[in-house]
C-alpha atoms as a PDB file:
ATOM      1  CA  UNK A   1     -12.390  22.016 -10.943  1.00  0.00           C
ATOM      2  CA  UNK A   2      -9.341  21.461  -8.642  1.00  0.00           C
ATOM      3  CA  UNK A   3      -7.226  25.080  -8.437  1.00  0.00           C
ATOM      4  CA  UNK A   4      -4.611  24.411  -5.645  1.00  0.00           C
ATOM      5  CA  UNK A   5      -2.280  21.665  -4.002  1.00  0.00           C
ATOM      6  CA  UNK A   6      -4.071  21.784  -0.913  1.00  0.00           C
ATOM      7  CA  UNK A   7      -7.839  20.513  -2.714  1.00  0.00           C
ATOM      8  CA  UNK A   8      -5.571  17.979  -4.932  1.00  0.00           C
ATOM      9  CA  UNK A   9      -4.101  16.449  -1.541  1.00  0.00           C
ATOM     10  CA  UNK A  10      -7.339  16.774   0.340  1.00  0.00           C
ATOM     11  CA  UNK A  11      -9.184  14.790  -2.895  1.00  0.00           C
ATOM     12  CA  UNK A  12      -6.616  12.159  -2.742  1.00  0.00           C
ATOM     13  CA  UNK A  13      -6.760  11.615   0.546  1.00  0.00           C
ATOM     14  CA  UNK A  14     -11.116  11.293   0.472  1.00  0.00           C
ATOM     15  CA  UNK A  15     -10.532   8.990  -2.270  1.00  0.00           C
ATOM     16  CA  UNK A  16      -8.784   6.721   0.501  1.00  0.00           C
ATOM     17  CA  UNK A  17     -11.036   7.162   3.236  1.00  0.00           C
ATOM     18  CA  UNK A  18     -13.462   6.383   1.347  1.00  0.00           C
ATOM     19  CA  UNK A  19     -11.863   2.848  -0.135  1.00  0.00           C
ATOM     20  CA  UNK A  20     -13.649  -0.114   1.938  1.00  0.00           C
ATOM     21  CA  UNK A  21     -11.524  -1.311   4.794  1.00  0.00           C
ATOM     22  CA  UNK A  22     -11.515  -4.823   5.247  1.00  0.00           C
ATOM     23  CA  UNK A  23      -9.799  -4.424   1.290  1.00  0.00           C
ATOM     24  CA  UNK A  24      -6.192  -2.743   1.335  1.00  0.00           C
ATOM     25  CA  UNK A  25      -6.432   1.454   0.929  1.00  0.00           C
ATOM     26  CA  UNK A  26      -3.803   1.170  -2.921  1.00  0.00           C
ATOM     27  CA  UNK A  27      -4.565   3.581  -5.291  1.00  0.00           C
ATOM     28  CA  UNK A  28      -3.633   3.305  -8.983  1.00  0.00           C
ATOM     29  CA  UNK A  29      -1.510   6.035  -9.880  1.00  0.00           C
ATOM     30  CA  UNK A  30      -3.413   5.894 -12.637  1.00  0.00           C
ATOM     31  CA  UNK A  31      -6.413   7.139 -10.751  1.00  0.00           C
ATOM     32  CA  UNK A  32      -4.581  10.102  -9.521  1.00  0.00           C
ATOM     33  CA  UNK A  33      -4.365  11.076 -13.857  1.00  0.00           C
ATOM     34  CA  UNK A  34      -7.863  10.297 -14.652  1.00  0.00           C
ATOM     35  CA  UNK A  35      -9.055  11.822 -11.986  1.00  0.00           C
ATOM     36  CA  UNK A  36      -6.902  15.004 -11.491  1.00  0.00           C
ATOM     37  CA  UNK A  37      -4.647  15.893 -14.458  1.00  0.00           C
ATOM     38  CA  UNK A  38      -7.619  15.627 -16.968  1.00  0.00           C
ATOM     39  CA  UNK A  39      -9.684  18.605 -14.838  1.00  0.00           C
ATOM     40  CA  UNK A  40      -6.352  20.684 -15.237  1.00  0.00           C
ATOM     41  CA  UNK A  41      -4.578  22.654 -18.187  1.00  0.00           C
ATOM     42  CA  UNK A  42      -0.414  21.977 -18.527  1.00  0.00           C
ATOM     43  CA  UNK A  43       1.013  24.653 -15.801  1.00  0.00           C
ATOM     44  CA  UNK A  44      -1.783  23.376 -12.938  1.00  0.00           C
ATOM     45  CA  UNK A  45      -0.307  19.697 -13.061  1.00  0.00           C
ATOM     46  CA  UNK A  46       2.856  20.242 -11.483  1.00  0.00           C
ATOM     47  CA  UNK A  47       0.415  21.516  -8.371  1.00  0.00           C
ATOM     48  CA  UNK A  48      -0.905  17.854  -8.583  1.00  0.00           C
ATOM     49  CA  UNK A  49       2.605  16.651  -8.789  1.00  0.00           C
ATOM     50  CA  UNK A  50       3.817  18.571  -5.980  1.00  0.00           C
ATOM     51  CA  UNK A  51       0.890  17.685  -3.843  1.00  0.00           C
ATOM     52  CA  UNK A  52       2.321  14.371  -3.867  1.00  0.00           C
ATOM     53  CA  UNK A  53       5.453  14.266  -3.373  1.00  0.00           C
ATOM     54  CA  UNK A  54       4.512  16.386  -0.187  1.00  0.00           C
ATOM     55  CA  UNK A  55       2.336  13.722   0.822  1.00  0.00           C
ATOM     56  CA  UNK A  56       5.029  11.041  -0.162  1.00  0.00           C
ATOM     57  CA  UNK A  57       7.636  13.140   1.468  1.00  0.00           C
ATOM     58  CA  UNK A  58       5.131  13.521   4.514  1.00  0.00           C
ATOM     59  CA  UNK A  59       5.198   9.877   4.857  1.00  0.00           C
ATOM     60  CA  UNK A  60       1.387   9.730   4.727  1.00  0.00           C
ATOM     61  CA  UNK A  61       1.230   7.902   1.073  1.00  0.00           C
ATOM     62  CA  UNK A  62       4.335   5.264  -0.386  1.00  0.00           C
ATOM     63  CA  UNK A  63       4.516   4.506  -3.900  1.00  0.00           C
ATOM     64  CA  UNK A  64       4.846   0.846  -4.417  1.00  0.00           C
ATOM     65  CA  UNK A  65       5.282  -0.304  -8.076  1.00  0.00           C
ATOM     66  CA  UNK A  66       3.723  -3.820  -9.043  1.00  0.00           C
ATOM     67  CA  UNK A  67       3.412  -3.389 -12.668  1.00  0.00           C
ATOM     68  CA  UNK A  68       1.220   0.023 -12.577  1.00  0.00           C
ATOM     69  CA  UNK A  69       2.632   2.122 -10.362  1.00  0.00           C
ATOM     70  CA  UNK A  70       0.331   2.159  -6.817  1.00  0.00           C
ATOM     71  CA  UNK A  71       0.196   4.788  -4.301  1.00  0.00           C
ATOM     72  CA  UNK A  72      -0.420   2.697  -0.706  1.00  0.00           C
ATOM     73  CA  UNK A  73      -1.947   4.887   2.286  1.00  0.00           C
ATOM     74  CA  UNK A  74       0.757   4.195   5.785  1.00  0.00           C
ATOM     75  CA  UNK A  75       0.538   3.832   9.482  1.00  0.00           C
ATOM     76  CA  UNK A  76       0.810   7.572   9.810  1.00  0.00           C
ATOM     77  CA  UNK A  77      -2.011   8.315   6.769  1.00  0.00           C
ATOM     78  CA  UNK A  78      -4.545   5.970   8.125  1.00  0.00           C
ATOM     79  CA  UNK A  79      -3.831   8.226  11.228  1.00  0.00           C
ATOM     80  CA  UNK A  80      -4.876  11.369   9.942  1.00  0.00           C
ATOM     81  CA  UNK A  81      -7.969  10.033   7.763  1.00  0.00           C
ATOM     82  CA  UNK A  82      -9.467   7.419   9.705  1.00  0.00           C
END
């Protein structure tokens, strides 16, 4: 079970690392809900929200809204994980 904000951020970035390098580094926001939120009790869900806010505020991810919400790895994020 994911317990803290640091683990959530690691899991999100790991997922980007696992994506096909020839494609876009984009994840549906729904993945975050499926992967992290199902494993957590309601009080812990705030941890996921806080981790995502930090990744967005730090310029590591950008949020794209084309239909469903999407999380895109930025150039700064790519330099961090690749």
